[in-house]
N, C-alpha and C. Protein backbone atom coordinates (compact mmCIF):
# COMPACT_ATOMS: atom_id res chain seq x y z
N UNK A 1 9.09 42.00 12.46
CA UNK A 1 9.27 41.40 11.29
C UNK A 1 9.74 39.88 11.46
N UNK A 2 10.79 39.75 12.38
CA UNK A 2 11.14 38.36 12.63
C UNK A 2 10.03 37.40 13.15
N UNK A 3 9.20 38.09 13.96
CA UNK A 3 8.14 37.40 14.70
C UNK A 3 7.10 36.90 13.59
N UNK A 4 6.88 37.77 12.60
CA UNK A 4 5.90 37.43 11.63
C UNK A 4 6.52 36.23 10.76
N UNK A 5 7.87 36.27 10.41
CA UNK A 5 8.38 35.35 9.69
C UNK A 5 8.38 33.92 10.46
N UNK A 6 8.66 34.06 11.75
CA UNK A 6 8.61 32.80 12.56
C UNK A 6 7.18 32.14 12.69
N UNK A 7 6.22 33.03 12.80
CA UNK A 7 4.80 32.62 12.87
C UNK A 7 4.47 31.98 11.49
N UNK A 8 4.80 32.45 10.47
CA UNK A 8 4.54 32.05 9.09
C UNK A 8 5.28 30.70 8.83
N UNK A 9 6.43 30.46 9.29
CA UNK A 9 7.11 29.20 9.12
C UNK A 9 6.48 28.08 10.05
N UNK A 10 6.01 28.49 11.16
CA UNK A 10 5.45 27.59 12.09
C UNK A 10 4.21 27.17 11.48
N UNK A 11 3.41 28.00 10.93
CA UNK A 11 2.12 27.65 10.39
C UNK A 11 2.28 26.65 9.19
N UNK A 12 3.25 26.94 8.44
CA UNK A 12 3.59 26.03 7.24
C UNK A 12 4.12 24.63 7.75
N UNK A 13 4.81 24.66 8.74
CA UNK A 13 5.37 23.48 9.31
C UNK A 13 4.26 22.60 9.81
N UNK A 14 3.37 23.19 10.68
CA UNK A 14 2.27 22.42 11.23
C UNK A 14 1.25 22.00 10.18
N UNK A 15 1.01 22.81 9.17
CA UNK A 15 -0.03 22.38 8.09
C UNK A 15 0.66 21.32 7.20
N UNK A 16 1.96 21.33 7.02
CA UNK A 16 2.63 20.34 6.25
C UNK A 16 2.61 18.90 7.08
N UNK A 17 2.75 18.97 8.41
CA UNK A 17 2.78 17.75 9.18
C UNK A 17 1.38 17.13 9.08
N UNK A 18 0.35 17.92 9.22
CA UNK A 18 -1.07 17.39 9.28
C UNK A 18 -1.41 16.73 7.90
N UNK A 19 -0.94 17.27 6.81
CA UNK A 19 -1.19 16.59 5.56
C UNK A 19 -0.40 15.35 5.42
N UNK A 20 0.87 15.26 5.80
CA UNK A 20 1.68 14.23 5.72
C UNK A 20 1.11 13.01 6.42
N UNK A 21 0.49 13.31 7.62
CA UNK A 21 -0.01 12.22 8.57
C UNK A 21 -1.37 11.70 8.20
N UNK A 22 -2.01 12.41 7.23
CA UNK A 22 -3.45 11.79 7.00
C UNK A 22 -3.33 10.41 6.26
N UNK A 23 -4.35 9.60 6.73
CA UNK A 23 -4.49 8.27 6.28
C UNK A 23 -4.98 8.25 4.72
N UNK A 24 -4.60 7.31 3.98
CA UNK A 24 -4.97 7.08 2.56
C UNK A 24 -5.61 5.74 2.43
N UNK A 25 -6.74 5.73 1.69
CA UNK A 25 -7.50 4.45 1.56
C UNK A 25 -7.47 4.07 0.02
N UNK A 26 -7.01 3.03 -0.36
CA UNK A 26 -7.05 2.53 -1.72
C UNK A 26 -7.80 1.22 -1.87
N UNK A 27 -8.49 1.01 -3.03
CA UNK A 27 -9.12 -0.29 -3.41
C UNK A 27 -8.51 -0.91 -4.55
N UNK A 28 -8.13 -2.12 -4.51
CA UNK A 28 -7.57 -2.71 -5.68
C UNK A 28 -7.29 -4.17 -5.50
N UNK A 29 -6.67 -4.78 -6.38
CA UNK A 29 -6.34 -6.30 -6.30
C UNK A 29 -4.97 -6.42 -5.57
N UNK A 30 -5.04 -7.30 -4.54
CA UNK A 30 -3.73 -7.54 -3.72
C UNK A 30 -2.89 -8.60 -4.50
N UNK A 31 -1.76 -8.30 -4.88
CA UNK A 31 -0.98 -9.07 -5.83
C UNK A 31 0.41 -8.92 -5.39
N UNK A 32 1.42 -9.25 -6.13
CA UNK A 32 2.87 -9.15 -5.96
C UNK A 32 3.53 -8.16 -7.06
N UNK A 33 4.64 -7.63 -6.80
CA UNK A 33 5.23 -6.66 -7.74
C UNK A 33 5.95 -7.45 -8.80
N UNK A 34 6.10 -8.71 -8.85
CA UNK A 34 6.70 -9.43 -9.95
C UNK A 34 5.74 -9.67 -11.04
N UNK A 35 4.47 -10.42 -10.66
CA UNK A 35 3.54 -10.80 -11.64
C UNK A 35 2.56 -9.69 -11.88
N UNK A 36 2.28 -8.77 -10.94
CA UNK A 36 1.10 -7.79 -10.85
C UNK A 36 -0.12 -8.55 -11.39
N UNK A 37 -0.57 -8.21 -12.36
CA UNK A 37 -2.02 -8.79 -12.83
C UNK A 37 -1.86 -10.16 -13.64
N UNK A 38 -0.86 -10.40 -14.28
CA UNK A 38 -0.66 -11.51 -15.19
C UNK A 38 0.20 -12.59 -14.40
N UNK A 39 -0.42 -13.54 -13.76
CA UNK A 39 0.46 -14.54 -12.99
C UNK A 39 1.00 -15.59 -13.91
N UNK A 40 2.21 -15.99 -13.53
CA UNK A 40 3.03 -16.87 -14.47
C UNK A 40 3.16 -18.29 -13.97
N UNK A 41 2.66 -18.70 -12.84
CA UNK A 41 2.88 -20.08 -12.29
C UNK A 41 1.68 -20.92 -12.89
N UNK A 42 1.91 -21.75 -13.91
CA UNK A 42 0.84 -22.57 -14.56
C UNK A 42 0.20 -23.57 -13.42
N UNK A 43 -1.12 -23.73 -13.48
CA UNK A 43 -1.72 -24.69 -12.63
C UNK A 43 -1.98 -24.22 -11.21
N UNK A 44 -1.66 -22.87 -10.99
CA UNK A 44 -1.93 -22.38 -9.55
C UNK A 44 -2.92 -21.25 -9.70
N UNK A 45 -3.57 -21.11 -8.61
CA UNK A 45 -4.55 -19.94 -8.59
C UNK A 45 -3.74 -18.63 -8.39
N UNK A 46 -4.39 -17.52 -8.74
CA UNK A 46 -3.71 -16.21 -8.41
C UNK A 46 -3.17 -16.00 -7.16
N UNK A 47 -3.93 -16.47 -6.07
CA UNK A 47 -3.56 -16.36 -4.68
C UNK A 47 -2.27 -17.22 -4.43
N UNK A 48 -2.30 -18.41 -4.97
CA UNK A 48 -1.18 -19.30 -4.68
C UNK A 48 0.08 -18.64 -5.62
N UNK A 49 0.00 -18.15 -6.70
CA UNK A 49 1.09 -17.59 -7.37
C UNK A 49 1.64 -16.38 -6.55
N UNK A 50 0.81 -15.51 -5.96
CA UNK A 50 1.13 -14.39 -5.31
C UNK A 50 1.92 -14.86 -4.18
N UNK A 51 1.53 -15.75 -3.29
CA UNK A 51 2.21 -16.24 -2.15
C UNK A 51 3.64 -16.95 -2.54
N UNK A 52 3.57 -17.66 -3.66
CA UNK A 52 4.89 -18.26 -4.09
C UNK A 52 5.97 -17.18 -4.45
N UNK A 53 5.37 -16.18 -5.20
CA UNK A 53 6.27 -15.02 -5.65
C UNK A 53 6.88 -14.28 -4.34
N UNK A 54 6.02 -14.15 -3.34
CA UNK A 54 6.49 -13.39 -2.15
C UNK A 54 7.59 -14.14 -1.45
N UNK A 55 7.29 -15.46 -1.36
CA UNK A 55 8.21 -16.53 -0.81
C UNK A 55 9.62 -16.43 -1.54
N UNK A 56 9.59 -16.05 -2.75
CA UNK A 56 10.90 -15.93 -3.53
C UNK A 56 11.32 -14.55 -3.74
N UNK A 57 10.89 -13.69 -2.81
CA UNK A 57 11.52 -12.28 -2.82
C UNK A 57 10.62 -11.13 -3.35
N UNK A 58 9.44 -11.36 -4.03
CA UNK A 58 8.54 -10.29 -4.40
C UNK A 58 7.84 -9.69 -3.19
N UNK A 59 7.41 -8.47 -3.44
CA UNK A 59 6.80 -7.63 -2.39
C UNK A 59 5.21 -7.63 -2.85
N UNK A 60 4.39 -7.57 -1.62
CA UNK A 60 2.95 -7.28 -1.94
C UNK A 60 2.79 -5.94 -2.45
N UNK A 61 1.86 -5.82 -3.39
CA UNK A 61 1.24 -4.57 -3.84
C UNK A 61 -0.18 -4.65 -4.09
N UNK A 62 -0.82 -3.46 -4.14
CA UNK A 62 -2.23 -3.42 -4.44
C UNK A 62 -2.31 -2.59 -5.87
N UNK A 63 -2.88 -3.22 -6.88
CA UNK A 63 -2.87 -2.72 -8.21
C UNK A 63 -4.31 -1.95 -8.39
N UNK A 64 -4.18 -0.71 -8.68
CA UNK A 64 -5.34 0.10 -8.94
C UNK A 64 -5.16 0.76 -10.34
N UNK A 65 -6.14 0.43 -11.28
CA UNK A 65 -6.13 0.95 -12.57
C UNK A 65 -4.78 0.69 -13.32
N UNK A 66 -4.20 -0.40 -13.03
CA UNK A 66 -2.93 -0.91 -13.70
C UNK A 66 -1.66 -0.35 -13.02
N UNK A 67 -1.83 0.42 -11.84
CA UNK A 67 -0.66 1.00 -11.20
C UNK A 67 -0.47 0.39 -9.82
N UNK A 68 0.56 -0.29 -9.58
CA UNK A 68 0.92 -0.96 -8.38
C UNK A 68 1.28 0.03 -7.30
N UNK A 69 0.81 -0.24 -6.03
CA UNK A 69 1.23 0.62 -4.85
C UNK A 69 1.90 -0.35 -3.90
N UNK A 70 3.23 -0.30 -3.55
CA UNK A 70 3.87 -1.18 -2.65
C UNK A 70 3.21 -1.08 -1.18
N UNK A 71 3.19 -2.14 -0.55
CA UNK A 71 2.67 -2.18 0.82
C UNK A 71 3.67 -2.58 1.92
N UNK A 72 3.44 -2.14 3.07
CA UNK A 72 4.42 -2.59 4.17
C UNK A 72 3.55 -2.94 5.33
N UNK A 73 3.93 -4.05 6.17
CA UNK A 73 3.30 -4.37 7.33
C UNK A 73 2.22 -5.47 7.17
N UNK A 74 1.79 -6.10 8.19
CA UNK A 74 0.63 -7.05 8.21
C UNK A 74 0.88 -8.14 7.26
N UNK A 75 1.99 -8.73 7.12
CA UNK A 75 2.34 -9.80 6.18
C UNK A 75 1.38 -11.03 6.32
N UNK A 76 1.08 -11.43 7.39
CA UNK A 76 0.19 -12.60 7.56
C UNK A 76 -1.13 -12.35 6.94
N UNK A 77 -1.79 -11.15 7.26
CA UNK A 77 -3.09 -10.80 6.67
C UNK A 77 -2.97 -10.66 5.11
N UNK A 78 -1.85 -10.05 4.60
CA UNK A 78 -1.75 -9.96 3.22
C UNK A 78 -1.73 -11.31 2.61
N UNK A 79 -1.06 -12.28 3.22
CA UNK A 79 -1.00 -13.58 2.59
C UNK A 79 -2.35 -14.31 2.64
N UNK A 80 -3.26 -13.99 3.61
CA UNK A 80 -4.54 -14.48 3.64
C UNK A 80 -5.45 -13.93 2.55
N UNK A 81 -5.32 -12.77 2.14
CA UNK A 81 -6.07 -11.99 1.19
C UNK A 81 -5.44 -11.87 -0.22
N UNK A 82 -4.33 -12.52 -0.44
CA UNK A 82 -3.53 -12.53 -1.77
C UNK A 82 -4.58 -12.90 -2.93
N UNK A 83 -4.51 -12.04 -4.03
CA UNK A 83 -5.29 -12.45 -5.08
C UNK A 83 -6.72 -11.81 -5.06
N UNK A 84 -7.08 -11.15 -4.04
CA UNK A 84 -8.46 -10.72 -3.78
C UNK A 84 -8.44 -9.10 -3.85
N UNK A 85 -9.73 -8.59 -4.06
CA UNK A 85 -9.95 -7.22 -4.03
C UNK A 85 -10.02 -6.73 -2.53
N UNK A 86 -9.25 -5.84 -2.38
CA UNK A 86 -9.17 -5.35 -0.80
C UNK A 86 -9.25 -3.77 -0.90
N UNK A 87 -9.64 -3.32 0.38
CA UNK A 87 -9.44 -1.86 0.85
C UNK A 87 -8.25 -1.87 1.76
N UNK A 88 -7.27 -1.00 1.42
CA UNK A 88 -6.14 -0.90 2.33
C UNK A 88 -6.00 0.64 2.74
N UNK A 89 -5.97 0.76 4.12
CA UNK A 89 -5.81 2.17 4.65
C UNK A 89 -4.56 2.12 5.29
N UNK A 90 -3.82 3.24 5.21
CA UNK A 90 -2.62 3.54 5.94
C UNK A 90 -1.97 4.86 5.55
N UNK A 91 -0.72 5.10 5.81
CA UNK A 91 -0.01 6.27 5.60
C UNK A 91 1.14 5.91 4.52
N UNK A 92 1.36 6.83 3.73
CA UNK A 92 2.37 6.64 2.72
C UNK A 92 3.71 7.04 3.39
N UNK A 93 4.64 6.08 3.29
CA UNK A 93 5.97 6.20 3.82
C UNK A 93 6.92 5.95 2.65
N UNK A 94 7.44 7.09 2.08
CA UNK A 94 8.16 7.03 0.85
C UNK A 94 7.17 6.62 -0.20
N UNK A 95 7.59 5.57 -0.86
CA UNK A 95 6.54 4.92 -2.01
C UNK A 95 5.65 3.85 -1.60
N UNK A 96 5.77 3.37 -0.29
CA UNK A 96 4.98 2.34 0.15
C UNK A 96 3.95 2.81 1.08
N UNK A 97 2.82 2.10 1.12
CA UNK A 97 1.70 2.40 1.88
C UNK A 97 1.80 1.46 3.24
N UNK A 98 2.07 2.19 4.38
CA UNK A 98 2.19 1.36 5.71
C UNK A 98 0.82 1.14 6.13
N UNK A 99 0.48 -0.10 6.17
CA UNK A 99 -0.93 -0.60 6.43
C UNK A 99 -1.41 -0.39 7.94
N UNK A 100 -2.46 0.37 7.97
CA UNK A 100 -3.18 0.40 9.50
C UNK A 100 -4.40 -0.53 9.41
N UNK A 101 -5.15 -0.68 8.28
CA UNK A 101 -6.18 -1.62 8.11
C UNK A 101 -6.36 -2.21 6.74
N UNK A 102 -6.79 -3.42 6.74
CA UNK A 102 -6.86 -4.13 5.49
C UNK A 102 -8.16 -5.05 5.52
N UNK A 103 -8.95 -4.88 4.57
CA UNK A 103 -10.12 -5.64 4.49
C UNK A 103 -10.63 -6.08 3.16
N UNK A 104 -11.34 -7.16 3.08
CA UNK A 104 -11.74 -7.79 1.73
C UNK A 104 -12.99 -6.93 1.30
N UNK A 105 -13.03 -6.64 0.13
CA UNK A 105 -14.22 -5.86 -0.49
C UNK A 105 -14.98 -6.86 -1.40
N UNK A 106 -16.17 -6.32 -1.84
CA UNK A 106 -17.10 -7.12 -2.68
C UNK A 106 -16.81 -6.77 -4.12
């Protein structure tokens, strides 16, 4: 009886770990968590507004269907692609997506 319980718990643990470690890919607009889709710096492009907001403490997010997903890692590449539509692949760590790859989309 104890052996069956141990085996069942081991299977649950292993299956849970494999689900948690699976990569996620999302496609959306790379922006910041302060402005999201409506940028507030007059006379600047969306990309420049995003970079300014990040310099002042905002965090990078990808907005998909109006919902922002926080991002972590690859800050230099995020800055280069600010304001553009991107594919982001990574693992969810809490509420943020830890980036393993980031690329521009069409």
